[in-house]
């Protein structure tokens, strides 16, 4: 049985789950659901929401940071950067 997890994550897809989550986060940033200056949800809460591991969430956030869409503020979390 092929089941797509909540939030559109498909563990059976050829695309790694962390890349799928990175695409979801990117889309939410671009749509304004996560506006500039706002924190991203915690890795633990995203892992629970999407039914994936915290490690996969961390890798997804690494992708988003590499794309310069967000940055980590030590002790405070990951924050969406203003669009340039």
C-alpha atoms as a PDB file:
ATOM      1  CA  UNK A   1       0.000   0.000   0.000  1.00  0.00           C
ATOM      2  CA  UNK A   2       1.385   3.404  -1.034  1.00  0.00           C
ATOM      3  CA  UNK A   3       0.567   6.164   1.456  1.00  0.00           C
ATOM      4  CA  UNK A   4       1.423   9.847   1.152  1.00  0.00           C
ATOM      5  CA  UNK A   5       2.026  11.307   4.598  1.00  0.00           C
ATOM      6  CA  UNK A   6       0.349  14.437   5.888  1.00  0.00           C
ATOM      7  CA  UNK A   7       1.593  17.613   4.307  1.00  0.00           C
ATOM      8  CA  UNK A   8       2.370  15.926   1.013  1.00  0.00           C
ATOM      9  CA  UNK A   9       5.498  13.949   1.999  1.00  0.00           C
ATOM     10  CA  UNK A  10       5.715  10.727  -0.022  1.00  0.00           C
ATOM     11  CA  UNK A  11       8.288   8.350   1.478  1.00  0.00           C
ATOM     12  CA  UNK A  12       7.991   6.068  -1.567  1.00  0.00           C
ATOM     13  CA  UNK A  13       8.923   8.846  -3.980  1.00  0.00           C
ATOM     14  CA  UNK A  14      12.293   8.750  -5.679  1.00  0.00           C
ATOM     15  CA  UNK A  15      12.940  12.166  -4.130  1.00  0.00           C
ATOM     16  CA  UNK A  16      14.358  12.096  -0.587  1.00  0.00           C
ATOM     17  CA  UNK A  17      11.905  13.208   2.104  1.00  0.00           C
ATOM     18  CA  UNK A  18      14.210  16.038   3.181  1.00  0.00           C
ATOM     19  CA  UNK A  19      14.112  17.493  -0.346  1.00  0.00           C
ATOM     20  CA  UNK A  20      10.324  17.165  -0.389  1.00  0.00           C
ATOM     21  CA  UNK A  21      10.136  19.060   2.910  1.00  0.00           C
ATOM     22  CA  UNK A  22      12.582  21.711   1.652  1.00  0.00           C
ATOM     23  CA  UNK A  23      10.225  22.281  -1.301  1.00  0.00           C
ATOM     24  CA  UNK A  24       7.264  22.628   1.083  1.00  0.00           C
ATOM     25  CA  UNK A  25       9.139  25.112   3.295  1.00  0.00           C
ATOM     26  CA  UNK A  26      10.312  27.059   0.222  1.00  0.00           C
ATOM     27  CA  UNK A  27       6.738  27.245  -1.043  1.00  0.00           C
ATOM     28  CA  UNK A  28       5.489  28.490   2.335  1.00  0.00           C
ATOM     29  CA  UNK A  29       8.189  31.180   2.391  1.00  0.00           C
ATOM     30  CA  UNK A  30       7.413  32.265  -1.180  1.00  0.00           C
ATOM     31  CA  UNK A  31       3.657  32.371  -0.493  1.00  0.00           C
ATOM     32  CA  UNK A  32       4.137  34.475   2.644  1.00  0.00           C
ATOM     33  CA  UNK A  33       2.820  31.796   4.983  1.00  0.00           C
ATOM     34  CA  UNK A  34       6.268  32.066   6.601  1.00  0.00           C
ATOM     35  CA  UNK A  35       6.912  35.818   6.158  1.00  0.00           C
ATOM     36  CA  UNK A  36      10.314  37.544   6.386  1.00  0.00           C
ATOM     37  CA  UNK A  37      11.405  37.874  10.004  1.00  0.00           C
ATOM     38  CA  UNK A  38       9.236  34.991  11.177  1.00  0.00           C
ATOM     39  CA  UNK A  39      10.656  31.863  12.784  1.00  0.00           C
ATOM     40  CA  UNK A  40      10.268  28.497  11.117  1.00  0.00           C
ATOM     41  CA  UNK A  41       8.534  25.856  13.230  1.00  0.00           C
ATOM     42  CA  UNK A  42      10.898  23.773  15.340  1.00  0.00           C
ATOM     43  CA  UNK A  43      12.477  20.665  13.853  1.00  0.00           C
ATOM     44  CA  UNK A  44      10.573  18.538  16.361  1.00  0.00           C
ATOM     45  CA  UNK A  45       7.206  20.058  15.450  1.00  0.00           C
ATOM     46  CA  UNK A  46       7.860  19.717  11.701  1.00  0.00           C
ATOM     47  CA  UNK A  47       8.971  16.109  12.200  1.00  0.00           C
ATOM     48  CA  UNK A  48       5.699  15.376  13.989  1.00  0.00           C
ATOM     49  CA  UNK A  49       3.591  17.303  11.465  1.00  0.00           C
ATOM     50  CA  UNK A  50       5.094  15.592   8.421  1.00  0.00           C
ATOM     51  CA  UNK A  51       5.751  12.169   9.968  1.00  0.00           C
ATOM     52  CA  UNK A  52       9.477  12.207   9.240  1.00  0.00           C
ATOM     53  CA  UNK A  53      12.632  12.161  11.369  1.00  0.00           C
ATOM     54  CA  UNK A  54      14.150  15.220  13.009  1.00  0.00           C
ATOM     55  CA  UNK A  55      17.296  14.436  10.997  1.00  0.00           C
ATOM     56  CA  UNK A  56      15.351  14.755   7.741  1.00  0.00           C
ATOM     57  CA  UNK A  57      13.929  18.082   8.917  1.00  0.00           C
ATOM     58  CA  UNK A  58      17.425  19.292   9.788  1.00  0.00           C
ATOM     59  CA  UNK A  59      18.641  18.390   6.303  1.00  0.00           C
ATOM     60  CA  UNK A  60      15.661  20.206   4.750  1.00  0.00           C
ATOM     61  CA  UNK A  61      16.415  23.326   6.777  1.00  0.00           C
ATOM     62  CA  UNK A  62      20.072  23.069   5.707  1.00  0.00           C
ATOM     63  CA  UNK A  63      18.861  23.248   2.083  1.00  0.00           C
ATOM     64  CA  UNK A  64      16.703  26.295   2.852  1.00  0.00           C
ATOM     65  CA  UNK A  65      19.615  28.019   4.589  1.00  0.00           C
ATOM     66  CA  UNK A  66      21.938  27.215   1.665  1.00  0.00           C
ATOM     67  CA  UNK A  67      19.389  28.897  -0.611  1.00  0.00           C
ATOM     68  CA  UNK A  68      19.618  31.956   1.662  1.00  0.00           C
ATOM     69  CA  UNK A  69      15.913  31.863   2.458  1.00  0.00           C
ATOM     70  CA  UNK A  70      16.491  31.545   6.207  1.00  0.00           C
ATOM     71  CA  UNK A  71      19.229  31.721   8.804  1.00  0.00           C
ATOM     72  CA  UNK A  72      19.870  30.206  12.194  1.00  0.00           C
ATOM     73  CA  UNK A  73      19.996  32.489  15.200  1.00  0.00           C
ATOM     74  CA  UNK A  74      21.862  30.554  17.910  1.00  0.00           C
ATOM     75  CA  UNK A  75      19.588  29.781  20.818  1.00  0.00           C
ATOM     76  CA  UNK A  76      16.550  31.244  19.036  1.00  0.00           C
ATOM     77  CA  UNK A  77      15.854  29.012  16.030  1.00  0.00           C
ATOM     78  CA  UNK A  78      15.688  29.434  12.268  1.00  0.00           C
ATOM     79  CA  UNK A  79      14.282  32.683  10.871  1.00  0.00           C
ATOM     80  CA  UNK A  80      13.049  33.608   7.415  1.00  0.00           C
ATOM     81  CA  UNK A  81      15.272  36.185   5.722  1.00  0.00           C
ATOM     82  CA  UNK A  82      13.914  39.249   3.916  1.00  0.00           C
ATOM     83  CA  UNK A  83      13.735  38.847   0.166  1.00  0.00           C
ATOM     84  CA  UNK A  84      16.361  40.743  -1.743  1.00  0.00           C
END
